[in-house]
PDB file of all heavy atoms in Angstrom:
ATOM      1  N   VAL A   1      20.992 -14.863  18.124  1.00  0.00           N
ATOM      2  CA  VAL A   1      20.641 -15.751  19.223  1.00  0.00           C
ATOM      3  C   VAL A   1      20.174 -14.952  20.447  1.00  0.00           C
ATOM      4  O   VAL A   1      20.151 -15.521  21.559  1.00  0.00           O
ATOM      5  CB  VAL A   1      21.837 -16.647  19.627  1.00  0.00           C
ATOM      6  CG1 VAL A   1      22.222 -17.573  18.485  1.00  0.00           C
ATOM      7  CG2 VAL A   1      23.040 -15.811  20.094  1.00  0.00           C
ATOM      8  N   SER A   2      19.799 -13.711  20.289  1.00  0.00           N
ATOM      9  CA  SER A   2      19.531 -12.850  21.452  1.00  0.00           C
ATOM     10  C   SER A   2      18.221 -12.047  21.338  1.00  0.00           C
ATOM     11  O   SER A   2      18.148 -10.931  21.826  1.00  0.00           O
ATOM     12  CB  SER A   2      20.695 -11.874  21.618  1.00  0.00           C
ATOM     13  OG  SER A   2      21.873 -12.575  21.924  1.00  0.00           O
ATOM     14  N   SER A   3      17.192 -12.602  20.673  1.00  0.00           N
ATOM     15  CA  SER A   3      15.917 -11.922  20.634  1.00  0.00           C
ATOM     16  C   SER A   3      15.323 -11.792  22.065  1.00  0.00           C
ATOM     17  O   SER A   3      15.671 -12.563  22.935  1.00  0.00           O
ATOM     18  CB  SER A   3      14.932 -12.693  19.746  1.00  0.00           C
ATOM     19  OG  SER A   3      15.362 -12.670  18.400  1.00  0.00           O
ATOM     20  N   LEU A   4      14.448 -10.807  22.228  1.00  0.00           N
ATOM     21  CA  LEU A   4      13.820 -10.558  23.493  1.00  0.00           C
ATOM     22  C   LEU A   4      12.368 -11.082  23.430  1.00  0.00           C
ATOM     23  O   LEU A   4      11.624 -10.689  22.538  1.00  0.00           O
ATOM     24  CB  LEU A   4      13.826  -9.056  23.856  1.00  0.00           C
ATOM     25  CG  LEU A   4      15.212  -8.464  23.919  1.00  0.00           C
ATOM     26  CD1 LEU A   4      15.113  -6.931  24.158  1.00  0.00           C
ATOM     27  CD2 LEU A   4      16.034  -9.083  25.019  1.00  0.00           C
ATOM     28  N   PRO A   5      11.925 -11.902  24.370  1.00  0.00           N
ATOM     29  CA  PRO A   5      10.561 -12.463  24.282  1.00  0.00           C
ATOM     30  C   PRO A   5       9.516 -11.433  24.686  1.00  0.00           C
ATOM     31  O   PRO A   5       9.734 -10.516  25.434  1.00  0.00           O
ATOM     32  CB  PRO A   5      10.618 -13.600  25.309  1.00  0.00           C
ATOM     33  CG  PRO A   5      11.654 -13.175  26.288  1.00  0.00           C
ATOM     34  CD  PRO A   5      12.701 -12.389  25.500  1.00  0.00           C
ATOM     35  N   ALA A   6       8.364 -11.630  24.112  1.00  0.00           N
ATOM     36  CA  ALA A   6       7.178 -10.777  24.419  1.00  0.00           C
ATOM     37  C   ALA A   6       5.958 -11.713  24.537  1.00  0.00           C
ATOM     38  O   ALA A   6       5.793 -12.685  23.760  1.00  0.00           O
ATOM     39  CB  ALA A   6       6.954  -9.721  23.360  1.00  0.00           C
ATOM     40  N   ILE A   7       5.071 -11.386  25.487  1.00  0.00           N
ATOM     41  CA  ILE A   7       3.866 -12.147  25.679  1.00  0.00           C
ATOM     42  C   ILE A   7       2.679 -11.167  25.891  1.00  0.00           C
ATOM     43  O   ILE A   7       2.762 -10.264  26.737  1.00  0.00           O
ATOM     44  CB  ILE A   7       3.973 -13.101  26.931  1.00  0.00           C
ATOM     45  CG1 ILE A   7       5.041 -14.145  26.684  1.00  0.00           C
ATOM     46  CG2 ILE A   7       2.624 -13.766  27.225  1.00  0.00           C
ATOM     47  CD1 ILE A   7       5.266 -15.037  27.873  1.00  0.00           C
ATOM     48  N   ASN A   8       1.676 -11.322  25.065  1.00  0.00           N
ATOM     49  CA  ASN A   8       0.471 -10.486  25.169  1.00  0.00           C
ATOM     50  C   ASN A   8       0.837  -8.989  25.172  1.00  0.00           C
ATOM     51  O   ASN A   8       0.258  -8.182  25.928  1.00  0.00           O
ATOM     52  CB  ASN A   8      -0.323 -10.818  26.405  1.00  0.00           C
ATOM     53  CG  ASN A   8      -0.947 -12.236  26.348  1.00  0.00           C
ATOM     54  OD1 ASN A   8      -1.020 -12.778  25.270  1.00  0.00           O
ATOM     55  ND2 ASN A   8      -1.378 -12.757  27.479  1.00  0.00           N
ATOM     56  N   GLY A   9       1.718  -8.597  24.291  1.00  0.00           N
ATOM     57  CA  GLY A   9       2.072  -7.196  24.079  1.00  0.00           C
ATOM     58  C   GLY A   9       3.070  -6.603  25.046  1.00  0.00           C
ATOM     59  O   GLY A   9       3.456  -5.431  24.921  1.00  0.00           O
ATOM     60  N   LEU A  10       3.587  -7.406  25.970  1.00  0.00           N
ATOM     61  CA  LEU A  10       4.579  -6.940  26.952  1.00  0.00           C
ATOM     62  C   LEU A  10       5.849  -7.747  26.767  1.00  0.00           C
ATOM     63  O   LEU A  10       5.835  -8.926  26.780  1.00  0.00           O
ATOM     64  CB  LEU A  10       4.065  -7.159  28.384  1.00  0.00           C
ATOM     65  CG  LEU A  10       2.780  -6.347  28.743  1.00  0.00           C
ATOM     66  CD1 LEU A  10       2.210  -6.748  30.078  1.00  0.00           C
ATOM     67  CD2 LEU A  10       3.007  -4.824  28.699  1.00  0.00           C
ATOM     68  N   GLY A  11       6.996  -6.999  26.607  1.00  0.00           N
ATOM     69  CA  GLY A  11       8.219  -7.714  26.280  1.00  0.00           C
ATOM     70  C   GLY A  11       9.400  -7.208  27.076  1.00  0.00           C
ATOM     71  O   GLY A  11       9.296  -6.387  27.977  1.00  0.00           O
ATOM     72  N   ALA A  12      10.565  -7.756  26.691  1.00  0.00           N
ATOM     73  CA  ALA A  12      11.856  -7.392  27.299  1.00  0.00           C
ATOM     74  C   ALA A  12      11.830  -7.644  28.815  1.00  0.00           C
ATOM     75  O   ALA A  12      11.505  -8.756  29.257  1.00  0.00           O
ATOM     76  CB  ALA A  12      12.244  -5.958  26.966  1.00  0.00           C
ATOM     77  N   ASP A  13      12.166  -6.651  29.652  1.00  0.00           N
ATOM     78  CA  ASP A  13      12.234  -6.882  31.087  1.00  0.00           C
ATOM     79  C   ASP A  13      10.905  -7.152  31.740  1.00  0.00           C
ATOM     80  O   ASP A  13      10.852  -7.571  32.923  1.00  0.00           O
ATOM     81  CB  ASP A  13      12.877  -5.659  31.773  1.00  0.00           C
ATOM     82  CG  ASP A  13      14.380  -5.613  31.559  1.00  0.00           C
ATOM     83  OD1 ASP A  13      14.930  -6.469  30.829  1.00  0.00           O
ATOM     84  OD2 ASP A  13      15.043  -4.717  32.106  1.00  0.00           O
ATOM     85  N   ARG A  14       9.825  -6.910  31.062  1.00  0.00           N
ATOM     86  CA  ARG A  14       8.488  -7.182  31.643  1.00  0.00           C
ATOM     87  C   ARG A  14       8.213  -8.686  31.622  1.00  0.00           C
ATOM     88  O   ARG A  14       7.255  -9.140  32.194  1.00  0.00           O
ATOM     89  CB  ARG A  14       7.409  -6.451  30.859  1.00  0.00           C
ATOM     90  CG  ARG A  14       7.535  -4.930  30.976  1.00  0.00           C
ATOM     91  CD  ARG A  14       6.442  -4.174  30.322  1.00  0.00           C
ATOM     92  NE  ARG A  14       6.603  -2.731  30.518  1.00  0.00           N
ATOM     93  CZ  ARG A  14       7.171  -1.932  29.646  1.00  0.00           C
ATOM     94  NH1 ARG A  14       7.571  -2.405  28.472  1.00  0.00           N
ATOM     95  NH2 ARG A  14       7.298  -0.676  29.905  1.00  0.00           N
ATOM     96  N   ILE A  15       9.075  -9.444  30.890  1.00  0.00           N
ATOM     97  CA  ILE A  15       9.006 -10.888  30.917  1.00  0.00           C
ATOM     98  C   ILE A  15      10.202 -11.404  31.743  1.00  0.00           C
ATOM     99  O   ILE A  15      11.345 -11.113  31.416  1.00  0.00           O
ATOM    100  CB  ILE A  15       9.086 -11.493  29.510  1.00  0.00           C
ATOM    101  CG1 ILE A  15       7.994 -10.869  28.647  1.00  0.00           C
ATOM    102  CG2 ILE A  15       8.954 -13.019  29.522  1.00  0.00           C
ATOM    103  CD1 ILE A  15       6.568 -11.190  29.075  1.00  0.00           C
ATOM    104  N   GLN A  16       9.895 -12.121  32.833  1.00  0.00           N
ATOM    105  CA  GLN A  16      10.972 -12.663  33.627  1.00  0.00           C
ATOM    106  C   GLN A  16      11.310 -14.064  33.128  1.00  0.00           C
ATOM    107  O   GLN A  16      10.441 -14.887  32.903  1.00  0.00           O
ATOM    108  CB  GLN A  16      10.547 -12.727  35.126  1.00  0.00           C
ATOM    109  CG  GLN A  16      11.683 -13.164  36.044  1.00  0.00           C
ATOM    110  CD  GLN A  16      11.231 -13.220  37.460  1.00  0.00           C
ATOM    111  OE1 GLN A  16      10.800 -14.249  37.960  1.00  0.00           O
ATOM    112  NE2 GLN A  16      11.323 -12.078  38.145  1.00  0.00           N
ATOM    113  N   VAL A  17      12.604 -14.331  32.970  1.00  0.00           N
ATOM    114  CA  VAL A  17      13.106 -15.588  32.462  1.00  0.00           C
ATOM    115  C   VAL A  17      13.920 -16.280  33.549  1.00  0.00           C
ATOM    116  O   VAL A  17      14.848 -15.653  34.069  1.00  0.00           O
ATOM    117  CB  VAL A  17      13.901 -15.478  31.187  1.00  0.00           C
ATOM    118  CG1 VAL A  17      14.390 -16.860  30.705  1.00  0.00           C
ATOM    119  CG2 VAL A  17      13.003 -14.870  30.073  1.00  0.00           C
ATOM    120  N   ALA A  18      13.617 -17.520  33.898  1.00  0.00           N
ATOM    121  CA  ALA A  18      14.403 -18.334  34.829  1.00  0.00           C
ATOM    122  C   ALA A  18      14.964 -19.548  34.116  1.00  0.00           C
ATOM    123  O   ALA A  18      14.194 -20.284  33.453  1.00  0.00           O
ATOM    124  CB  ALA A  18      13.574 -18.743  36.025  1.00  0.00           C
ATOM    125  N   ILE A  19      16.262 -19.713  34.133  1.00  0.00           N
ATOM    126  CA  ILE A  19      16.897 -20.895  33.576  1.00  0.00           C
ATOM    127  C   ILE A  19      17.221 -21.824  34.748  1.00  0.00           C
ATOM    128  O   ILE A  19      18.191 -21.603  35.450  1.00  0.00           O
ATOM    129  CB  ILE A  19      18.182 -20.524  32.816  1.00  0.00           C
ATOM    130  CG1 ILE A  19      17.942 -19.362  31.812  1.00  0.00           C
ATOM    131  CG2 ILE A  19      18.763 -21.717  32.097  1.00  0.00           C
ATOM    132  CD1 ILE A  19      17.029 -19.697  30.693  1.00  0.00           C
ATOM    133  N   ASN A  20      16.462 -22.862  34.908  1.00  0.00           N
ATOM    134  CA  ASN A  20      16.579 -23.740  36.048  1.00  0.00           C
ATOM    135  C   ASN A  20      16.644 -22.926  37.356  1.00  0.00           C
ATOM    136  O   ASN A  20      17.571 -23.150  38.153  1.00  0.00           O
ATOM    137  CB  ASN A  20      17.832 -24.597  35.937  1.00  0.00           C
ATOM    138  CG  ASN A  20      17.716 -25.591  34.755  1.00  0.00           C
ATOM    139  OD1 ASN A  20      16.628 -26.133  34.523  1.00  0.00           O
ATOM    140  ND2 ASN A  20      18.805 -25.822  34.093  1.00  0.00           N
ATOM    141  N   SER A  21      15.710 -22.037  37.514  1.00  0.00           N
ATOM    142  CA  SER A  21      15.556 -21.185  38.707  1.00  0.00           C
ATOM    143  C   SER A  21      16.605 -20.070  38.806  1.00  0.00           C
ATOM    144  O   SER A  21      16.545 -19.254  39.749  1.00  0.00           O
ATOM    145  CB  SER A  21      15.628 -21.995  40.001  1.00  0.00           C
ATOM    146  OG  SER A  21      14.575 -22.989  40.045  1.00  0.00           O
ATOM    147  N   MET A  22      17.478 -19.903  37.802  1.00  0.00           N
ATOM    148  CA  MET A  22      18.481 -18.875  37.849  1.00  0.00           C
ATOM    149  C   MET A  22      18.016 -17.633  37.093  1.00  0.00           C
ATOM    150  O   MET A  22      17.533 -17.799  35.948  1.00  0.00           O
ATOM    151  CB  MET A  22      19.799 -19.408  37.259  1.00  0.00           C
ATOM    152  CG  MET A  22      20.924 -18.399  37.271  1.00  0.00           C
ATOM    153  SD  MET A  22      22.531 -19.170  36.874  1.00  0.00           S
ATOM    154  CE  MET A  22      22.200 -19.651  35.169  1.00  0.00           C
ATOM    155  N   LEU A  23      18.114 -16.488  37.685  1.00  0.00           N
ATOM    156  CA  LEU A  23      17.696 -15.220  37.047  1.00  0.00           C
ATOM    157  C   LEU A  23      18.990 -14.460  36.596  1.00  0.00           C
ATOM    158  O   LEU A  23      19.970 -14.420  37.313  1.00  0.00           O
ATOM    159  CB  LEU A  23      16.935 -14.348  38.048  1.00  0.00           C
ATOM    160  CG  LEU A  23      15.674 -14.960  38.578  1.00  0.00           C
ATOM    161  CD1 LEU A  23      14.975 -14.014  39.571  1.00  0.00           C
ATOM    162  CD2 LEU A  23      14.695 -15.367  37.496  1.00  0.00           C
ATOM    163  N   ILE A  24      18.893 -13.874  35.388  1.00  0.00           N
ATOM    164  CA  ILE A  24      20.047 -13.178  34.806  1.00  0.00           C
ATOM    165  C   ILE A  24      19.550 -11.832  34.383  1.00  0.00           C
ATOM    166  O   ILE A  24      18.642 -11.665  33.567  1.00  0.00           O
ATOM    167  CB  ILE A  24      20.605 -13.965  33.638  1.00  0.00           C
ATOM    168  CG1 ILE A  24      21.027 -15.381  34.043  1.00  0.00           C
ATOM    169  CG2 ILE A  24      21.805 -13.168  33.050  1.00  0.00           C
ATOM    170  CD1 ILE A  24      21.467 -16.238  32.880  1.00  0.00           C
ATOM    171  N   SER A  25      20.136 -10.722  34.951  1.00  0.00           N
ATOM    172  CA  SER A  25      19.783  -9.385  34.614  1.00  0.00           C
ATOM    173  C   SER A  25      20.554  -8.907  33.406  1.00  0.00           C
ATOM    174  O   SER A  25      21.591  -9.455  33.063  1.00  0.00           O
ATOM    175  CB  SER A  25      20.031  -8.467  35.789  1.00  0.00           C
ATOM    176  OG  SER A  25      19.145  -8.643  36.811  1.00  0.00           O
ATOM    177  N   PRO A  26      20.016  -7.833  32.701  1.00  0.00           N
ATOM    178  CA  PRO A  26      20.767  -7.272  31.561  1.00  0.00           C
ATOM    179  C   PRO A  26      22.159  -6.829  31.988  1.00  0.00           C
ATOM    180  O   PRO A  26      22.349  -6.167  32.978  1.00  0.00           O
ATOM    181  CB  PRO A  26      19.882  -6.090  31.153  1.00  0.00           C
ATOM    182  CG  PRO A  26      18.522  -6.394  31.675  1.00  0.00           C
ATOM    183  CD  PRO A  26      18.758  -7.150  32.951  1.00  0.00           C
ATOM    184  N   ALA A  27      23.161  -7.209  31.205  1.00  0.00           N
ATOM    185  CA  ALA A  27      24.527  -6.799  31.450  1.00  0.00           C
ATOM    186  C   ALA A  27      25.062  -6.073  30.211  1.00  0.00           C
ATOM    187  O   ALA A  27      26.180  -6.263  29.829  1.00  0.00           O
ATOM    188  CB  ALA A  27      25.387  -8.022  31.771  1.00  0.00           C
ATOM    189  N   CYS A  28      24.194  -5.234  29.656  1.00  0.00           N
ATOM    190  CA  CYS A  28      24.555  -4.488  28.445  1.00  0.00           C
ATOM    191  C   CYS A  28      23.488  -3.389  28.242  1.00  0.00           C
ATOM    192  O   CYS A  28      22.295  -3.669  28.475  1.00  0.00           O
ATOM    193  CB  CYS A  28      24.516  -5.422  27.238  1.00  0.00           C
ATOM    194  SG  CYS A  28      24.630  -4.611  25.629  1.00  0.00           S
ATOM    195  N   PRO A  29      23.895  -2.180  27.897  1.00  0.00           N
ATOM    196  CA  PRO A  29      22.851  -1.130  27.712  1.00  0.00           C
ATOM    197  C   PRO A  29      21.942  -1.364  26.561  1.00  0.00           C
ATOM    198  O   PRO A  29      20.906  -0.743  26.453  1.00  0.00           O
ATOM    199  CB  PRO A  29      23.759   0.111  27.398  1.00  0.00           C
ATOM    200  CG  PRO A  29      25.054  -0.396  26.988  1.00  0.00           C
ATOM    201  CD  PRO A  29      25.244  -1.698  27.661  1.00  0.00           C
ATOM    202  N   ASN A  30      22.267  -2.348  25.669  1.00  0.00           N
ATOM    203  CA  ASN A  30      21.335  -2.782  24.592  1.00  0.00           C
ATOM    204  C   ASN A  30      20.716  -4.151  24.875  1.00  0.00           C
ATOM    205  O   ASN A  30      20.062  -4.690  23.975  1.00  0.00           O
ATOM    206  CB  ASN A  30      22.082  -2.816  23.254  1.00  0.00           C
ATOM    207  CG  ASN A  30      22.683  -1.495  22.808  1.00  0.00           C
ATOM    208  OD1 ASN A  30      23.675  -1.433  22.085  1.00  0.00           O
ATOM    209  ND2 ASN A  30      22.054  -0.367  23.248  1.00  0.00           N
TER     210      ASN A  30
END
């Protein structure tokens, strides 16, 4: 349940995800 999204060849932190305007940063080295 934890895949990382990619769009047009750019993925992981290069894609910003907002859940109802809420931003969540990585809380794990993986």
